[in-house]
Amino acid sequence: MYSMNDYRAALVERDSNDMESSEWKLGQMKVQSIVAVMVANGNCQMVEEVMEEVYSLNDCGFEFGDAAVQFDIWLLESNGYREKAQELRELYWN
């Protein structure tokens, strides 16, 4: 089972590469995998991390249909966090 330490280590590893490079993209897949497992296992701290990520994406001008937004909402909803997913849907989106 993964922990927040594994998640943070994966973020550091990913961010040691140039953004959008093939190494960064591989690191992002690792981060997303760890996040998905932790959410599926009911880790409330990771659920809050996902929520904060979507709020941040919203603040940065991402659109509701962007893949990163849709992935996070799907991840929450498909793991029983429908109310949290709905909260994110109701944000003001560009």
PDB file of N, CA and C in Angstrom:
ATOM      1  N   MET A   1       0.839  -1.174   0.000  1.00  0.00           N
ATOM      2  CA  MET A   1       0.000   0.000   0.000  1.00  0.00           C
ATOM      3  C   MET A   1       0.888   1.243   0.000  1.00  0.00           C
ATOM      4  N   TYR A   2       0.424   2.270  -0.682  1.00  0.00           N
ATOM      5  CA  TYR A   2       1.180   3.519  -0.780  1.00  0.00           C
ATOM      6  C   TYR A   2       0.859   4.454   0.381  1.00  0.00           C
ATOM      7  N   SER A   3       1.779   5.369   0.617  1.00  0.00           N
ATOM      8  CA  SER A   3       1.607   6.366   1.676  1.00  0.00           C
ATOM      9  C   SER A   3       1.833   7.760   1.084  1.00  0.00           C
ATOM     10  N   MET A   4       1.593   8.769   1.898  1.00  0.00           N
ATOM     11  CA  MET A   4       1.852  10.144   1.460  1.00  0.00           C
ATOM     12  C   MET A   4       3.336  10.334   1.160  1.00  0.00           C
ATOM     13  N   ASN A   5       4.197   9.619   1.846  1.00  0.00           N
ATOM     14  CA  ASN A   5       5.631   9.702   1.554  1.00  0.00           C
ATOM     15  C   ASN A   5       5.932   9.201   0.144  1.00  0.00           C
ATOM     16  N   ASP A   6       5.280   8.110  -0.265  1.00  0.00           N
ATOM     17  CA  ASP A   6       5.456   7.597  -1.634  1.00  0.00           C
ATOM     18  C   ASP A   6       4.974   8.625  -2.649  1.00  0.00           C
ATOM     19  N   TYR A   7       3.840   9.233  -2.356  1.00  0.00           N
ATOM     20  CA  TYR A   7       3.271  10.258  -3.237  1.00  0.00           C
ATOM     21  C   TYR A   7       4.234  11.437  -3.378  1.00  0.00           C
ATOM     22  N   ARG A   8       4.722  11.936  -2.256  1.00  0.00           N
ATOM     23  CA  ARG A   8       5.641  13.084  -2.295  1.00  0.00           C
ATOM     24  C   ARG A   8       6.939  12.737  -3.019  1.00  0.00           C
ATOM     25  N   ALA A   9       7.454  11.528  -2.813  1.00  0.00           N
ATOM     26  CA  ALA A   9       8.673  11.102  -3.495  1.00  0.00           C
ATOM     27  C   ALA A   9       8.445  11.034  -5.007  1.00  0.00           C
ATOM     28  N   ALA A  10       7.280  10.563  -5.412  1.00  0.00           N
ATOM     29  CA  ALA A  10       6.961  10.498  -6.847  1.00  0.00           C
ATOM     30  C   ALA A  10       6.852  11.894  -7.441  1.00  0.00           C
ATOM     31  N   LEU A  11       6.305  12.846  -6.680  1.00  0.00           N
ATOM     32  CA  LEU A  11       6.234  14.232  -7.153  1.00  0.00           C
ATOM     33  C   LEU A  11       7.631  14.811  -7.348  1.00  0.00           C
ATOM     34  N   VAL A  12       8.515  14.570  -6.385  1.00  0.00           N
ATOM     35  CA  VAL A  12       9.891  15.079  -6.476  1.00  0.00           C
ATOM     36  C   VAL A  12      10.590  14.461  -7.685  1.00  0.00           C
ATOM     37  N   GLU A  13      10.411  13.164  -7.855  1.00  0.00           N
ATOM     38  CA  GLU A  13      11.029  12.472  -8.997  1.00  0.00           C
ATOM     39  C   GLU A  13      10.511  13.046 -10.314  1.00  0.00           C
ATOM     40  N   ARG A  14       9.195  13.217 -10.420  1.00  0.00           N
ATOM     41  CA  ARG A  14       8.603  13.775 -11.638  1.00  0.00           C
ATOM     42  C   ARG A  14       9.131  15.183 -11.905  1.00  0.00           C
ATOM     43  N   ASP A  15       9.153  16.006 -10.854  1.00  0.00           N
ATOM     44  CA  ASP A  15       9.525  17.405 -11.018  1.00  0.00           C
ATOM     45  C   ASP A  15      11.015  17.631 -11.229  1.00  0.00           C
ATOM     46  N   SER A  16      11.807  16.572 -11.137  1.00  0.00           N
ATOM     47  CA  SER A  16      13.234  16.702 -11.433  1.00  0.00           C
ATOM     48  C   SER A  16      13.490  16.680 -12.938  1.00  0.00           C
ATOM     49  N   ASN A  17      12.435  16.509 -13.713  1.00  0.00           N
ATOM     50  CA  ASN A  17      12.528  16.473 -15.175  1.00  0.00           C
ATOM     51  C   ASN A  17      11.858  17.703 -15.771  1.00  0.00           C
ATOM     52  N   ASP A  18      12.237  18.017 -17.015  1.00  0.00           N
ATOM     53  CA  ASP A  18      11.621  19.136 -17.717  1.00  0.00           C
ATOM     54  C   ASP A  18      10.144  18.838 -17.956  1.00  0.00           C
ATOM     55  N   MET A  19       9.319  19.827 -17.647  1.00  0.00           N
ATOM     56  CA  MET A  19       7.881  19.655 -17.800  1.00  0.00           C
ATOM     57  C   MET A  19       7.536  19.253 -19.223  1.00  0.00           C
ATOM     58  N   GLU A  20       6.658  18.257 -19.308  1.00  0.00           N
ATOM     59  CA  GLU A  20       6.163  17.709 -20.569  1.00  0.00           C
ATOM     60  C   GLU A  20       7.200  16.891 -21.349  1.00  0.00           C
ATOM     61  N   SER A  21       8.393  16.662 -20.771  1.00  0.00           N
ATOM     62  CA  SER A  21       9.351  15.743 -21.395  1.00  0.00           C
ATOM     63  C   SER A  21       8.808  14.318 -21.227  1.00  0.00           C
ATOM     64  N   SER A  22       9.380  13.376 -21.948  1.00  0.00           N
ATOM     65  CA  SER A  22       8.904  11.999 -21.817  1.00  0.00           C
ATOM     66  C   SER A  22       9.145  11.479 -20.400  1.00  0.00           C
ATOM     67  N   GLU A  23      10.225  11.903 -19.763  1.00  0.00           N
ATOM     68  CA  GLU A  23      10.503  11.490 -18.380  1.00  0.00           C
ATOM     69  C   GLU A  23       9.481  12.087 -17.417  1.00  0.00           C
ATOM     70  N   TRP A  24       9.119  13.354 -17.656  1.00  0.00           N
ATOM     71  CA  TRP A  24       8.116  14.001 -16.811  1.00  0.00           C
ATOM     72  C   TRP A  24       6.773  13.291 -16.968  1.00  0.00           C
ATOM     73  N   LYS A  25       6.411  12.970 -18.217  1.00  0.00           N
ATOM     74  CA  LYS A  25       5.134  12.291 -18.463  1.00  0.00           C
ATOM     75  C   LYS A  25       5.091  10.917 -17.796  1.00  0.00           C
ATOM     76  N   LEU A  26       6.202  10.206 -17.816  1.00  0.00           N
ATOM     77  CA  LEU A  26       6.283   8.919 -17.135  1.00  0.00           C
ATOM     78  C   LEU A  26       6.129   9.115 -15.632  1.00  0.00           C
ATOM     79  N   GLY A  27       6.786  10.132 -15.096  1.00  0.00           N
ATOM     80  CA  GLY A  27       6.650  10.453 -13.684  1.00  0.00           C
ATOM     81  C   GLY A  27       5.219  10.820 -13.322  1.00  0.00           C
ATOM     82  N   GLN A  28       4.539  11.530 -14.205  1.00  0.00           N
ATOM     83  CA  GLN A  28       3.143  11.913 -13.970  1.00  0.00           C
ATOM     84  C   GLN A  28       2.251  10.677 -13.923  1.00  0.00           C
ATOM     85  N   MET A  29       2.523   9.715 -14.791  1.00  0.00           N
ATOM     86  CA  MET A  29       1.738   8.478 -14.762  1.00  0.00           C
ATOM     87  C   MET A  29       1.946   7.757 -13.428  1.00  0.00           C
ATOM     88  N   LYS A  30       3.167   7.786 -12.915  1.00  0.00           N
ATOM     89  CA  LYS A  30       3.452   7.160 -11.625  1.00  0.00           C
ATOM     90  C   LYS A  30       2.690   7.888 -10.515  1.00  0.00           C
ATOM     91  N   VAL A  31       2.722   9.212 -10.532  1.00  0.00           N
ATOM     92  CA  VAL A  31       1.993  10.000  -9.539  1.00  0.00           C
ATOM     93  C   VAL A  31       0.503   9.665  -9.597  1.00  0.00           C
ATOM     94  N   GLN A  32      -0.066   9.664 -10.789  1.00  0.00           N
ATOM     95  CA  GLN A  32      -1.496   9.385 -10.939  1.00  0.00           C
ATOM     96  C   GLN A  32      -1.846   7.979 -10.462  1.00  0.00           C
ATOM     97  N   SER A  33      -0.959   7.036 -10.687  1.00  0.00           N
ATOM     98  CA  SER A  33      -1.207   5.665 -10.235  1.00  0.00           C
ATOM     99  C   SER A  33      -1.240   5.585  -8.718  1.00  0.00           C
ATOM    100  N   ILE A  34      -0.287   6.231  -8.082  1.00  0.00           N
ATOM    101  CA  ILE A  34      -0.241   6.242  -6.621  1.00  0.00           C
ATOM    102  C   ILE A  34      -1.488   6.923  -6.065  1.00  0.00           C
ATOM    103  N   VAL A  35      -1.856   8.050  -6.657  1.00  0.00           N
ATOM    104  CA  VAL A  35      -3.054   8.777  -6.217  1.00  0.00           C
ATOM    105  C   VAL A  35      -4.285   7.880  -6.355  1.00  0.00           C
ATOM    106  N   ALA A  36      -4.423   7.215  -7.490  1.00  0.00           N
ATOM    107  CA  ALA A  36      -5.590   6.366  -7.738  1.00  0.00           C
ATOM    108  C   ALA A  36      -5.685   5.240  -6.709  1.00  0.00           C
ATOM    109  N   VAL A  37      -4.577   4.610  -6.396  1.00  0.00           N
ATOM    110  CA  VAL A  37      -4.584   3.526  -5.417  1.00  0.00           C
ATOM    111  C   VAL A  37      -4.957   4.057  -4.038  1.00  0.00           C
ATOM    112  N   MET A  38      -4.390   5.194  -3.674  1.00  0.00           N
ATOM    113  CA  MET A  38      -4.661   5.746  -2.348  1.00  0.00           C
ATOM    114  C   MET A  38      -6.124   6.175  -2.208  1.00  0.00           C
ATOM    115  N   VAL A  39      -6.683   6.789  -3.249  1.00  0.00           N
ATOM    116  CA  VAL A  39      -8.090   7.177  -3.205  1.00  0.00           C
ATOM    117  C   VAL A  39      -8.961   5.919  -3.129  1.00  0.00           C
ATOM    118  N   ALA A  40      -8.636   4.924  -3.930  1.00  0.00           N
ATOM    119  CA  ALA A  40      -9.405   3.678  -3.927  1.00  0.00           C
ATOM    120  C   ALA A  40      -9.353   2.991  -2.562  1.00  0.00           C
ATOM    121  N   ASN A  41      -8.262   3.182  -1.851  1.00  0.00           N
ATOM    122  CA  ASN A  41      -8.124   2.594  -0.515  1.00  0.00           C
ATOM    123  C   ASN A  41      -8.738   3.467   0.575  1.00  0.00           C
ATOM    124  N   GLY A  42      -9.364   4.567   0.197  1.00  0.00           N
ATOM    125  CA  GLY A  42     -10.066   5.404   1.152  1.00  0.00           C
ATOM    126  C   GLY A  42      -9.193   6.355   1.952  1.00  0.00           C
ATOM    127  N   ASN A  43      -8.022   6.709   1.427  1.00  0.00           N
ATOM    128  CA  ASN A  43      -7.138   7.631   2.129  1.00  0.00           C
ATOM    129  C   ASN A  43      -7.708   9.044   2.033  1.00  0.00           C
ATOM    130  N   CYS A  44      -8.250   9.526   3.154  1.00  0.00           N
ATOM    131  CA  CYS A  44      -8.920  10.833   3.180  1.00  0.00           C
ATOM    132  C   CYS A  44      -7.962  11.978   2.876  1.00  0.00           C
ATOM    133  N   GLN A  45      -6.715  11.844   3.286  1.00  0.00           N
ATOM    134  CA  GLN A  45      -5.730  12.892   3.008  1.00  0.00           C
ATOM    135  C   GLN A  45      -5.511  13.011   1.501  1.00  0.00           C
ATOM    136  N   MET A  46      -5.479  11.882   0.802  1.00  0.00           N
ATOM    137  CA  MET A  46      -5.288  11.936  -0.644  1.00  0.00           C
ATOM    138  C   MET A  46      -6.537  12.471  -1.334  1.00  0.00           C
ATOM    139  N   VAL A  47      -7.701  12.149  -0.826  1.00  0.00           N
ATOM    140  CA  VAL A  47      -8.942  12.704  -1.391  1.00  0.00           C
ATOM    141  C   VAL A  47      -8.883  14.227  -1.307  1.00  0.00           C
ATOM    142  N   GLU A  48      -8.434  14.743  -0.179  1.00  0.00           N
ATOM    143  CA  GLU A  48      -8.303  16.199  -0.029  1.00  0.00           C
ATOM    144  C   GLU A  48      -7.241  16.764  -0.980  1.00  0.00           C
ATOM    145  N   GLU A  49      -6.165  16.026  -1.211  1.00  0.00           N
ATOM    146  CA  GLU A  49      -5.142  16.457  -2.188  1.00  0.00           C
ATOM    147  C   GLU A  49      -5.754  16.584  -3.578  1.00  0.00           C
ATOM    148  N   VAL A  50      -6.564  15.619  -3.961  1.00  0.00           N
ATOM    149  CA  VAL A  50      -7.220  15.643  -5.269  1.00  0.00           C
ATOM    150  C   VAL A  50      -8.157  16.847  -5.350  1.00  0.00           C
ATOM    151  N   MET A  51      -8.905  17.077  -4.307  1.00  0.00           N
ATOM    152  CA  MET A  51      -9.807  18.239  -4.277  1.00  0.00           C
ATOM    153  C   MET A  51      -9.007  19.530  -4.459  1.00  0.00           C
ATOM    154  N   GLU A  52      -7.930  19.664  -3.712  1.00  0.00           N
ATOM    155  CA  GLU A  52      -7.096  20.870  -3.801  1.00  0.00           C
ATOM    156  C   GLU A  52      -6.499  21.034  -5.190  1.00  0.00           C
ATOM    157  N   GLU A  53      -6.130  19.917  -5.817  1.00  0.00           N
ATOM    158  CA  GLU A  53      -5.582  19.991  -7.173  1.00  0.00           C
ATOM    159  C   GLU A  53      -6.607  20.566  -8.137  1.00  0.00           C
ATOM    160  N   VAL A  54      -7.848  20.106  -8.037  1.00  0.00           N
ATOM    161  CA  VAL A  54      -8.880  20.600  -8.948  1.00  0.00           C
ATOM    162  C   VAL A  54      -9.173  22.080  -8.671  1.00  0.00           C
ATOM    163  N   TYR A  55      -9.212  22.464  -7.412  1.00  0.00           N
ATOM    164  CA  TYR A  55      -9.382  23.889  -7.103  1.00  0.00           C
ATOM    165  C   TYR A  55      -8.240  24.702  -7.710  1.00  0.00           C
ATOM    166  N   SER A  56      -7.037  24.196  -7.621  1.00  0.00           N
ATOM    167  CA  SER A  56      -5.879  24.888  -8.185  1.00  0.00           C
ATOM    168  C   SER A  56      -5.973  24.969  -9.713  1.00  0.00           C
ATOM    169  N   LEU A  57      -6.367  23.875 -10.344  1.00  0.00           N
ATOM    170  CA  LEU A  57      -6.540  23.887 -11.801  1.00  0.00           C
ATOM    171  C   LEU A  57      -7.589  24.916 -12.203  1.00  0.00           C
ATOM    172  N   ASN A  58      -8.662  24.975 -11.435  1.00  0.00           N
ATOM    173  CA  ASN A  58      -9.711  25.952 -11.692  1.00  0.00           C
ATOM    174  C   ASN A  58      -9.158  27.368 -11.577  1.00  0.00           C
ATOM    175  N   ASP A  59      -8.396  27.626 -10.518  1.00  0.00           N
ATOM    176  CA  ASP A  59      -7.799  28.950 -10.307  1.00  0.00           C
ATOM    177  C   ASP A  59      -6.841  29.337 -11.427  1.00  0.00           C
ATOM    178  N   CYS A  60      -6.199  28.327 -12.029  1.00  0.00           N
ATOM    179  CA  CYS A  60      -5.225  28.581 -13.102  1.00  0.00           C
ATOM    180  C   CYS A  60      -5.876  28.730 -14.474  1.00  0.00           C
ATOM    181  N   GLY A  61      -7.195  28.613 -14.520  1.00  0.00           N
ATOM    182  CA  GLY A  61      -7.895  28.831 -15.782  1.00  0.00           C
ATOM    183  C   GLY A  61      -8.160  27.589 -16.608  1.00  0.00           C
ATOM    184  N   PHE A  62      -7.946  26.416 -16.038  1.00  0.00           N
ATOM    185  CA  PHE A  62      -8.277  25.199 -16.774  1.00  0.00           C
ATOM    186  C   PHE A  62      -9.778  25.167 -17.013  1.00  0.00           C
ATOM    187  N   GLU A  63     -10.172  24.479 -18.058  1.00  0.00           N
ATOM    188  CA  GLU A  63     -11.586  24.330 -18.365  1.00  0.00           C
ATOM    189  C   GLU A  63     -12.104  23.013 -17.804  1.00  0.00           C
ATOM    190  N   PHE A  64     -13.408  22.946 -17.600  1.00  0.00           N
ATOM    191  CA  PHE A  64     -14.024  21.758 -17.026  1.00  0.00           C
ATOM    192  C   PHE A  64     -13.716  20.514 -17.848  1.00  0.00           C
ATOM    193  N   GLY A  65     -13.648  20.651 -19.155  1.00  0.00           N
ATOM    194  CA  GLY A  65     -13.416  19.507 -20.040  1.00  0.00           C
ATOM    195  C   GLY A  65     -11.980  19.054 -20.146  1.00  0.00           C
ATOM    196  N   ASP A  66     -11.037  19.774 -19.525  1.00  0.00           N
ATOM    197  CA  ASP A  66      -9.626  19.375 -19.593  1.00  0.00           C
ATOM    198  C   ASP A  66      -9.431  17.995 -18.962  1.00  0.00           C
ATOM    199  N   ALA A  67      -8.539  17.221 -19.564  1.00  0.00           N
ATOM    200  CA  ALA A  67      -8.323  15.838 -19.139  1.00  0.00           C
ATOM    201  C   ALA A  67      -7.959  15.725 -17.660  1.00  0.00           C
ATOM    202  N   ALA A  68      -7.117  16.611 -17.159  1.00  0.00           N
ATOM    203  CA  ALA A  68      -6.700  16.538 -15.754  1.00  0.00           C
ATOM    204  C   ALA A  68      -7.885  16.732 -14.820  1.00  0.00           C
ATOM    205  N   VAL A  69      -8.759  17.659 -15.149  1.00  0.00           N
ATOM    206  CA  VAL A  69      -9.951  17.929 -14.344  1.00  0.00           C
ATOM    207  C   VAL A  69     -10.885  16.721 -14.394  1.00  0.00           C
ATOM    208  N   GLN A  70     -11.144  16.239 -15.585  1.00  0.00           N
ATOM    209  CA  GLN A  70     -12.061  15.117 -15.753  1.00  0.00           C
ATOM    210  C   GLN A  70     -11.544  13.860 -15.058  1.00  0.00           C
ATOM    211  N   PHE A  71     -10.232  13.618 -15.121  1.00  0.00           N
ATOM    212  CA  PHE A  71      -9.655  12.453 -14.450  1.00  0.00           C
ATOM    213  C   PHE A  71      -9.891  12.526 -12.949  1.00  0.00           C
ATOM    214  N   ASP A  72      -9.608  13.680 -12.364  1.00  0.00           N
ATOM    215  CA  ASP A  72      -9.755  13.817 -10.918  1.00  0.00           C
ATOM    216  C   ASP A  72     -11.207  13.669 -10.481  1.00  0.00           C
ATOM    217  N   ILE A  73     -12.127  14.251 -11.231  1.00  0.00           N
ATOM    218  CA  ILE A  73     -13.544  14.134 -10.891  1.00  0.00           C
ATOM    219  C   ILE A  73     -13.997  12.680 -11.028  1.00  0.00           C
ATOM    220  N   TRP A  74     -13.582  12.033 -12.095  1.00  0.00           N
ATOM    221  CA  TRP A  74     -13.916  10.617 -12.276  1.00  0.00           C
ATOM    222  C   TRP A  74     -13.338   9.778 -11.145  1.00  0.00           C
ATOM    223  N   LEU A  75     -12.107  10.054 -10.761  1.00  0.00           N
ATOM    224  CA  LEU A  75     -11.456   9.299  -9.701  1.00  0.00           C
ATOM    225  C   LEU A  75     -12.250   9.392  -8.403  1.00  0.00           C
ATOM    226  N   LEU A  76     -12.669  10.590  -8.066  1.00  0.00           N
ATOM    227  CA  LEU A  76     -13.461  10.767  -6.853  1.00  0.00           C
ATOM    228  C   LEU A  76     -14.805  10.051  -6.964  1.00  0.00           C
ATOM    229  N   GLU A  77     -15.501  10.306  -8.052  1.00  0.00           N
ATOM    230  CA  GLU A  77     -16.837   9.750  -8.219  1.00  0.00           C
ATOM    231  C   GLU A  77     -16.821   8.219  -8.252  1.00  0.00           C
ATOM    232  N   SER A  78     -15.883   7.651  -8.967  1.00  0.00           N
ATOM    233  CA  SER A  78     -15.850   6.200  -9.122  1.00  0.00           C
ATOM    234  C   SER A  78     -15.410   5.478  -7.857  1.00  0.00           C
ATOM    235  N   ASN A  79     -14.927   6.237  -6.882  1.00  0.00           N
ATOM    236  CA  ASN A  79     -14.523   5.632  -5.614  1.00  0.00           C
ATOM    237  C   ASN A  79     -15.437   6.013  -4.461  1.00  0.00           C
ATOM    238  N   GLY A  80     -16.638   6.485  -4.806  1.00  0.00           N
ATOM    239  CA  GLY A  80     -17.644   6.725  -3.790  1.00  0.00           C
ATOM    240  C   GLY A  80     -17.679   8.130  -3.212  1.00  0.00           C
ATOM    241  N   TYR A  81     -16.939   9.050  -3.803  1.00  0.00           N
ATOM    242  CA  TYR A  81     -16.904  10.428  -3.316  1.00  0.00           C
ATOM    243  C   TYR A  81     -17.747  11.323  -4.229  1.00  0.00           C
ATOM    244  N   ARG A  82     -18.984  10.934  -4.457  1.00  0.00           N
ATOM    245  CA  ARG A  82     -19.869  11.647  -5.381  1.00  0.00           C
ATOM    246  C   ARG A  82     -20.138  13.085  -4.949  1.00  0.00           C
ATOM    247  N   GLU A  83     -20.314  13.298  -3.652  1.00  0.00           N
ATOM    248  CA  GLU A  83     -20.578  14.661  -3.171  1.00  0.00           C
ATOM    249  C   GLU A  83     -19.378  15.576  -3.430  1.00  0.00           C
ATOM    250  N   LYS A  84     -18.184  15.061  -3.229  1.00  0.00           N
ATOM    251  CA  LYS A  84     -16.990  15.868  -3.482  1.00  0.00           C
ATOM    252  C   LYS A  84     -16.839  16.148  -4.977  1.00  0.00           C
ATOM    253  N   ALA A  85     -17.126  15.143  -5.805  1.00  0.00           N
ATOM    254  CA  ALA A  85     -17.074  15.331  -7.256  1.00  0.00           C
ATOM    255  C   ALA A  85     -18.092  16.384  -7.687  1.00  0.00           C
ATOM    256  N   GLN A  86     -19.287  16.334  -7.108  1.00  0.00           N
ATOM    257  CA  GLN A  86     -20.326  17.310  -7.441  1.00  0.00           C
ATOM    258  C   GLN A  86     -19.904  18.714  -7.031  1.00  0.00           C
ATOM    259  N   GLU A  87     -19.276  18.837  -5.880  1.00  0.00           N
ATOM    260  CA  GLU A  87     -18.773  20.142  -5.424  1.00  0.00           C
ATOM    261  C   GLU A  87     -17.823  20.740  -6.465  1.00  0.00           C
ATOM    262  N   LEU A  88     -16.978  19.893  -7.044  1.00  0.00           N
ATOM    263  CA  LEU A  88     -16.019  20.373  -8.049  1.00  0.00           C
ATOM    264  C   LEU A  88     -16.717  20.730  -9.353  1.00  0.00           C
ATOM    265  N   ARG A  89     -17.736  19.984  -9.711  1.00  0.00           N
ATOM    266  CA  ARG A  89     -18.502  20.299 -10.919  1.00  0.00           C
ATOM    267  C   ARG A  89     -19.153  21.672 -10.826  1.00  0.00           C
ATOM    268  N   GLU A  90     -19.516  22.069  -9.621  1.00  0.00           N
ATOM    269  CA  GLU A  90     -20.252  23.309  -9.420  1.00  0.00           C
ATOM    270  C   GLU A  90     -19.366  24.545  -9.326  1.00  0.00           C
ATOM    271  N   LEU A  91     -18.065  24.378  -9.433  1.00  0.00           N
ATOM    272  CA  LEU A  91     -17.176  25.545  -9.461  1.00  0.00           C
ATOM    273  C   LEU A  91     -17.445  26.359 -10.719  1.00  0.00           C
ATOM    274  N   TYR A  92     -17.063  27.619 -10.695  1.00  0.00           N
ATOM    275  CA  TYR A  92     -17.166  28.435 -11.903  1.00  0.00           C
ATOM    276  C   TYR A  92     -16.026  28.013 -12.838  1.00  0.00           C
ATOM    277  N   TRP A  93     -16.377  27.446 -13.977  1.00  0.00           N
ATOM    278  CA  TRP A  93     -15.388  26.995 -14.956  1.00  0.00           C
ATOM    279  C   TRP A  93     -15.385  27.907 -16.150  1.00  0.00           C
ATOM    280  N   ASN A  94     -14.214  28.126 -16.734  1.00  0.00           N
ATOM    281  CA  ASN A  94     -14.089  28.955 -17.951  1.00  0.00           C
ATOM    282  C   ASN A  94     -14.778  28.297 -19.118  1.00  0.00           C
TER     283      ASN A  94
END
